[in-house]
Amino acid sequence: MTVLLRFFISIALIVVSAALGWLMRTRGVVKDSAAKPMMTVVTVGAYPLVGLMALWGTPLHWSDAWLPLLGALQATAMSLIALAVGRRWFSDQAERGVLGISCGIGNHGVTMAGFAIYLLFGATGLAVSTIYGMYTYFALVLLSYTIAQRHAPEAPSQSILRLMLGNLVHWRAAGLYACLLGIMLTHAGVPAPPQIQTWHLLDIFIYALIIMSYFAIGLRLHLPHVMEMKRAILCVIGIRHGLGLLIGLALVGLTWLSPWPLEGLSLKVFLLQASVPVGVMSVAVTNMFHIKPGEAAAIFVVSSVAYLLVGLPILLLIFGS
């Protein structure tokens, strides 16, 4: 299956799944609270399997370490900036948490930035983009979960280090260890089962992930939340799509001061990934910890639409010229 066909199938599934979730909630068929267990399955079940199958057998080199490392640094910087802005502008603790989580992990996969990279640089660019996206499994556990626990309703008072260590040994960290397992199996020369390719298992799990996660987003999407969260939405757009690119450029500049500067295709992929919209993982986390999941869904939708209508065409024009 070509990436072009996969993209159009993914977009169709996204629209239909989200619309169906929204419709079934408004008709009273399914309660919006059903989104929490669905997003939990997505985060600790589907994502780990997708990560394991995607990384197992993917050629990795030490020079590739720059991409996920820089991605993690950028996500951390944007989350910290968002939390600082939140402390100044928002009195509600949960709303500050949603802001920090939304500005962390972005939508780097084939349904968004990954597809743009494929259009520009082909399969080679998509492979580099997959390596970049490895950081998300680490950031999910150490960054997003920690922010969620610090800002969840009635959150217990614990140090950040204690929360991080607790998350590392929690079952919610399954995706991180699946990612590490895929890397170790590849490094050890253990071949991936041929059934992953012949049975199209990766595609099946990706589509199952899309259907379940966007159906859950549809369940949580209340259109009035868009107006209620307009300040938070503007903050997320400014940080993710504006400051994100500036932070990315600054990190690239730091690599040029080292013996291993980021350049060539890796540089282009990193810059394209530096200003992507809010990731599905962010909505999943807010559902798992029940931190304004409806508002998080509204932020996700507006951020994605803004990127598709404005950000993506500009980036394609710049990098395609």
Protein backbone atom coordinates (compact mmCIF):
# COMPACT_ATOMS: atom_id res chain seq x y z
CA MET A 1 0.00 0.00 0.00
CA THR A 2 1.46 3.36 -1.02
CA VAL A 3 1.83 6.18 1.48
CA LEU A 4 -0.50 8.33 -0.65
CA LEU A 5 -3.28 5.73 -0.42
CA ARG A 6 -2.56 5.22 3.28
CA PHE A 7 -2.88 8.98 3.85
CA PHE A 8 -6.27 9.26 2.17
CA ILE A 9 -7.57 6.18 3.99
CA SER A 10 -6.31 7.66 7.27
CA ILE A 11 -7.98 11.02 6.64
CA ALA A 12 -11.27 9.31 5.75
CA LEU A 13 -11.11 7.20 8.91
CA ILE A 14 -10.29 10.28 11.02
CA VAL A 15 -13.25 12.29 9.72
CA VAL A 16 -15.74 9.40 9.86
CA SER A 17 -14.61 8.17 13.30
CA ALA A 18 -14.67 11.64 14.90
CA ALA A 19 -18.04 12.48 13.33
CA LEU A 20 -19.50 9.14 14.43
CA GLY A 21 -18.26 9.63 17.99
CA TRP A 22 -19.71 13.14 18.15
CA LEU A 23 -23.03 11.99 16.63
CA MET A 24 -23.40 9.00 18.97
CA ARG A 25 -22.74 11.20 22.00
CA THR A 26 -25.22 13.89 20.93
CA ARG A 27 -27.85 11.20 20.28
CA GLY A 28 -27.25 9.67 23.70
CA VAL A 29 -26.09 6.31 22.33
CA VAL A 30 -22.65 6.48 23.98
CA LYS A 31 -21.62 8.63 26.95
CA ASP A 32 -18.55 10.83 26.63
CA SER A 33 -17.05 9.07 29.66
CA ALA A 34 -16.48 6.03 27.41
CA ALA A 35 -13.58 7.97 25.88
CA LYS A 36 -11.38 7.39 28.95
CA PRO A 37 -11.07 3.57 28.70
CA MET A 38 -10.78 3.83 24.92
CA MET A 39 -7.89 6.29 25.12
CA THR A 40 -6.24 4.14 27.79
CA VAL A 41 -6.32 1.14 25.44
CA VAL A 42 -4.91 3.32 22.65
CA THR A 43 -2.05 4.61 24.79
CA VAL A 44 -0.97 1.43 26.59
CA GLY A 45 -2.06 -1.14 23.99
CA ALA A 46 -2.12 0.12 20.42
CA TYR A 47 0.75 2.63 20.60
CA PRO A 48 3.22 0.12 22.12
CA LEU A 49 2.45 -2.49 19.46
CA VAL A 50 2.76 0.06 16.65
CA GLY A 51 6.05 1.33 18.09
CA LEU A 52 7.48 -2.18 18.43
CA MET A 53 6.53 -3.22 14.89
CA ALA A 54 7.72 0.07 13.36
CA LEU A 55 11.14 0.02 15.05
CA TRP A 56 11.89 -3.69 14.89
CA GLY A 57 14.14 -4.10 11.87
CA THR A 58 14.50 -0.38 11.11
CA PRO A 59 18.22 0.34 10.49
CA LEU A 60 19.49 2.65 13.25
CA HIS A 61 22.84 4.42 13.57
CA TRP A 62 24.37 6.47 16.36
CA SER A 63 24.10 9.56 14.15
CA ASP A 64 20.31 9.09 14.24
CA ALA A 65 20.28 9.80 17.98
CA TRP A 66 20.24 13.56 17.34
CA LEU A 67 16.70 13.53 15.97
CA PRO A 68 14.78 11.97 18.90
CA LEU A 69 17.03 13.77 21.39
CA LEU A 70 16.30 17.17 19.84
CA GLY A 71 12.62 16.29 19.56
CA ALA A 72 12.49 15.50 23.28
CA LEU A 73 14.33 18.72 24.18
CA GLN A 74 11.97 20.79 22.06
CA ALA A 75 8.84 19.14 23.48
CA THR A 76 10.12 19.72 27.02
CA ALA A 77 10.94 23.36 26.29
CA MET A 78 7.51 24.04 24.79
CA SER A 79 5.74 22.36 27.71
CA LEU A 80 7.73 24.38 30.25
CA ILE A 81 6.99 27.62 28.38
CA ALA A 82 3.29 26.70 28.22
CA LEU A 83 3.20 25.96 31.95
CA ALA A 84 4.90 29.30 32.68
CA VAL A 85 2.34 31.10 30.50
CA GLY A 86 -0.44 29.14 32.18
CA ARG A 87 0.66 30.17 35.67
CA ARG A 88 0.49 33.81 34.61
CA TRP A 89 -2.72 33.82 32.57
CA PHE A 90 -4.88 30.95 33.86
CA SER A 91 -6.12 30.52 37.42
CA ASP A 92 -7.46 27.01 36.88
CA GLN A 93 -4.87 24.30 37.63
CA ALA A 94 -6.39 21.75 35.24
CA GLU A 95 -6.45 24.28 32.40
CA ARG A 96 -2.75 24.98 32.95
CA GLY A 97 -2.13 21.24 32.77
CA VAL A 98 -4.01 20.92 29.47
CA LEU A 99 -1.93 23.79 28.07
CA GLY A 100 1.34 22.14 29.09
CA ILE A 101 0.34 18.72 27.77
CA SER A 102 -0.97 20.11 24.46
CA CYS A 103 2.27 21.98 23.78
CA GLY A 104 4.43 18.91 24.38
CA ILE A 105 4.11 15.97 22.00
CA GLY A 106 3.03 16.92 18.47
CA ASN A 107 1.27 15.10 15.63
CA HIS A 108 4.36 13.72 13.90
CA GLY A 109 2.88 10.68 12.15
CA VAL A 110 1.73 9.85 8.64
CA THR A 111 -1.66 11.52 9.15
CA MET A 112 0.00 14.93 9.50
CA ALA A 113 3.69 15.95 9.40
CA GLY A 114 4.91 12.53 8.31
CA PHE A 115 2.82 12.71 5.16
CA ALA A 116 4.09 16.20 4.29
CA ILE A 117 7.64 14.88 4.65
CA TYR A 118 6.81 11.95 2.37
CA LEU A 119 5.43 14.32 -0.28
CA LEU A 120 8.64 16.33 -0.20
CA PHE A 121 11.33 13.69 0.32
CA GLY A 122 9.77 10.31 -0.44
CA ALA A 123 10.19 7.07 1.50
CA THR A 124 13.67 8.05 2.70
CA GLY A 125 12.28 11.16 4.37
CA LEU A 126 9.49 9.12 5.94
CA ALA A 127 12.03 6.70 7.43
CA VAL A 128 13.97 9.62 8.97
CA SER A 129 10.68 11.00 10.30
CA THR A 130 9.95 7.65 11.97
CA ILE A 131 13.30 7.78 13.77
CA TYR A 132 12.52 11.33 14.92
CA GLY A 133 9.18 10.19 16.32
CA MET A 134 10.90 7.74 18.68
CA TYR A 135 11.12 10.51 21.28
CA THR A 136 7.35 10.49 21.78
CA TYR A 137 7.42 7.20 23.72
CA PHE A 138 9.89 8.68 26.22
CA ALA A 139 8.17 12.08 26.41
CA LEU A 140 4.78 10.46 26.98
CA VAL A 141 5.94 8.74 30.16
CA LEU A 142 8.39 11.27 31.58
CA LEU A 143 6.78 14.54 30.43
CA SER A 144 3.06 14.23 29.65
CA TYR A 145 2.20 11.81 32.46
CA THR A 146 4.12 13.92 34.97
CA ILE A 147 2.39 17.15 33.94
CA ALA A 148 -0.97 15.38 34.08
CA GLN A 149 -0.34 14.06 37.58
CA ARG A 150 0.80 17.47 38.84
CA HIS A 151 -2.33 19.20 37.50
CA ALA A 152 -5.01 16.54 37.84
CA PRO A 153 -7.96 17.26 40.17
CA GLU A 154 -7.04 16.38 43.77
CA ALA A 155 -3.50 15.50 42.68
CA PRO A 156 -1.33 14.26 45.58
CA SER A 157 1.65 16.44 46.47
CA GLN A 158 4.76 14.63 45.19
CA SER A 159 8.09 15.74 43.79
CA ILE A 160 8.59 15.73 40.02
CA LEU A 161 11.39 13.16 40.35
CA ARG A 162 9.18 10.85 42.38
CA LEU A 163 6.40 11.14 39.80
CA MET A 164 8.80 10.37 36.94
CA LEU A 165 10.23 7.33 38.70
CA GLY A 166 6.73 6.13 39.50
CA ASN A 167 5.69 6.49 35.86
CA LEU A 168 8.68 4.46 34.68
CA VAL A 169 7.51 1.41 36.62
CA HIS A 170 3.78 1.88 35.95
CA TRP A 171 1.86 -0.18 33.41
CA ARG A 172 1.13 3.06 31.53
CA ALA A 173 4.80 3.04 30.45
CA ALA A 174 4.25 0.03 28.16
CA GLY A 175 4.93 2.10 25.03
CA LEU A 176 8.35 3.18 26.27
CA TYR A 177 9.49 -0.38 26.92
CA ALA A 178 8.04 -1.63 23.64
CA CYS A 179 10.11 1.05 21.88
CA LEU A 180 13.26 0.00 23.73
CA LEU A 181 12.55 -3.66 22.96
CA GLY A 182 12.26 -2.89 19.25
CA ILE A 183 15.61 -1.07 19.31
CA MET A 184 17.33 -3.89 21.23
CA LEU A 185 15.97 -6.61 18.94
CA THR A 186 17.16 -4.67 15.90
CA HIS A 187 20.59 -4.07 17.44
CA ALA A 188 20.87 -7.77 18.31
CA GLY A 189 20.13 -8.73 14.72
CA VAL A 190 16.90 -10.56 15.55
CA PRO A 191 14.75 -10.46 12.39
CA ALA A 192 11.23 -9.15 12.66
CA PRO A 193 8.51 -11.78 12.08
CA PRO A 194 7.61 -11.85 8.37
CA GLN A 195 3.93 -11.83 9.31
CA ILE A 196 4.24 -8.12 10.17
CA GLN A 197 4.71 -7.47 6.46
CA THR A 198 2.71 -10.29 4.88
CA TRP A 199 -0.33 -9.83 7.13
CA HIS A 200 -0.05 -6.01 7.09
CA LEU A 201 -0.18 -6.03 10.89
CA LEU A 202 1.33 -2.56 11.22
CA ASP A 203 -1.34 -1.07 8.96
CA ILE A 204 -4.10 -2.92 10.81
CA PHE A 205 -3.00 -1.63 14.21
CA ILE A 206 -2.47 1.91 12.91
CA TYR A 207 -5.99 2.00 11.49
CA ALA A 208 -7.44 0.49 14.68
CA LEU A 209 -5.58 3.17 16.65
CA ILE A 210 -6.95 5.92 14.39
CA ILE A 211 -10.54 4.67 14.60
CA MET A 212 -10.53 4.27 18.38
CA SER A 213 -8.69 7.49 19.22
CA TYR A 214 -10.65 9.77 16.90
CA PHE A 215 -13.95 8.18 17.90
CA ALA A 216 -13.02 9.03 21.49
CA ILE A 217 -12.10 12.58 20.44
CA GLY A 218 -15.53 12.87 18.80
CA LEU A 219 -17.15 11.70 22.05
CA ARG A 220 -15.35 14.44 23.98
CA LEU A 221 -15.82 17.21 21.41
CA HIS A 222 -18.30 19.84 22.57
CA LEU A 223 -18.35 22.79 20.18
CA PRO A 224 -18.98 25.37 22.96
CA HIS A 225 -15.60 24.36 24.41
CA VAL A 226 -13.92 26.03 21.42
CA MET A 227 -15.11 29.45 22.58
CA GLU A 228 -14.53 28.65 26.26
CA MET A 229 -10.92 27.71 25.52
CA LYS A 230 -10.15 30.49 23.03
CA ARG A 231 -7.30 31.93 25.13
CA ALA A 232 -5.76 28.49 25.64
CA ILE A 233 -6.19 27.71 21.93
CA LEU A 234 -4.40 30.93 20.95
CA CYS A 235 -1.59 30.12 23.40
CA VAL A 236 -1.18 26.61 21.99
CA ILE A 237 -1.14 27.86 18.39
CA GLY A 238 1.41 30.55 19.28
CA ILE A 239 3.69 28.15 21.15
CA ARG A 240 3.35 25.08 18.93
CA HIS A 241 3.36 26.78 15.53
CA GLY A 242 5.37 29.92 16.28
CA LEU A 243 7.78 29.40 19.14
CA GLY A 244 8.13 25.74 18.16
CA LEU A 245 9.93 26.64 14.96
CA LEU A 246 12.14 29.20 16.73
CA ILE A 247 13.10 26.67 19.40
CA GLY A 248 13.83 24.16 16.65
CA LEU A 249 16.14 26.61 14.89
CA ALA A 250 17.93 27.34 18.17
CA LEU A 251 18.49 23.62 18.79
CA VAL A 252 19.84 23.19 15.27
CA GLY A 253 22.24 26.06 15.95
CA LEU A 254 23.50 24.24 19.04
CA THR A 255 24.26 21.13 16.99
CA TRP A 256 26.36 23.25 14.63
CA LEU A 257 28.57 24.15 17.58
CA SER A 258 29.27 20.44 18.09
CA PRO A 259 31.35 18.03 15.98
CA TRP A 260 28.08 16.48 14.72
CA PRO A 261 25.97 19.25 13.11
CA LEU A 262 22.45 18.40 12.00
CA GLU A 263 22.34 18.83 8.24
CA GLY A 264 20.93 17.48 4.99
CA LEU A 265 17.69 15.52 5.04
CA SER A 266 17.75 15.12 8.83
CA LEU A 267 17.82 18.91 9.20
CA LYS A 268 14.85 19.39 6.87
CA VAL A 269 12.82 16.67 8.59
CA PHE A 270 13.52 18.18 12.01
CA LEU A 271 12.48 21.68 10.94
CA LEU A 272 9.28 20.35 9.35
CA GLN A 273 8.47 18.50 12.56
CA ALA A 274 9.25 21.52 14.74
CA SER A 275 5.87 23.26 14.33
CA VAL A 276 3.31 20.48 13.97
CA PRO A 277 -0.13 20.65 15.62
CA VAL A 278 -1.22 19.03 18.89
CA GLY A 279 -0.75 15.25 18.95
CA VAL A 280 -3.40 12.61 19.59
CA MET A 281 -1.30 11.39 22.54
CA SER A 282 -2.03 14.68 24.31
CA VAL A 283 -5.78 14.13 24.10
CA ALA A 284 -5.29 10.53 25.24
CA VAL A 285 -3.39 11.67 28.35
CA THR A 286 -6.04 14.22 29.34
CA ASN A 287 -8.65 11.47 29.07
CA MET A 288 -6.61 8.99 31.11
CA PHE A 289 -6.15 11.48 33.96
CA HIS A 290 -9.49 13.26 33.42
CA ILE A 291 -7.99 16.74 32.98
CA LYS A 292 -10.56 18.68 30.94
CA PRO A 293 -10.64 16.08 28.12
CA GLY A 294 -13.40 17.90 26.24
CA GLU A 295 -11.41 21.12 26.22
CA ALA A 296 -8.30 19.21 25.12
CA ALA A 297 -10.25 17.75 22.19
CA ALA A 298 -11.32 21.27 21.15
CA ILE A 299 -7.70 22.49 21.27
CA PHE A 300 -6.61 19.47 19.21
CA VAL A 301 -9.21 20.07 16.49
CA VAL A 302 -8.53 23.82 16.12
CA SER A 303 -4.76 23.31 16.14
CA SER A 304 -5.02 20.64 13.41
CA VAL A 305 -7.30 22.76 11.22
CA ALA A 306 -5.02 25.82 11.59
CA TYR A 307 -2.01 23.75 10.58
CA LEU A 308 -3.73 22.22 7.54
CA LEU A 309 -5.08 25.55 6.29
CA VAL A 310 -2.12 27.84 7.04
CA GLY A 311 1.00 26.18 8.42
CA LEU A 312 1.31 23.18 6.11
CA PRO A 313 0.89 25.11 2.81
CA ILE A 314 3.59 27.59 3.91
CA LEU A 315 6.00 24.80 4.87
CA LEU A 316 5.36 22.93 1.60
CA LEU A 317 6.00 26.15 -0.31
CA ILE A 318 9.27 26.84 1.54
CA PHE A 319 10.72 23.32 1.46
CA GLY A 320 9.30 22.42 -1.93
CA SER A 321 10.88 25.36 -3.74
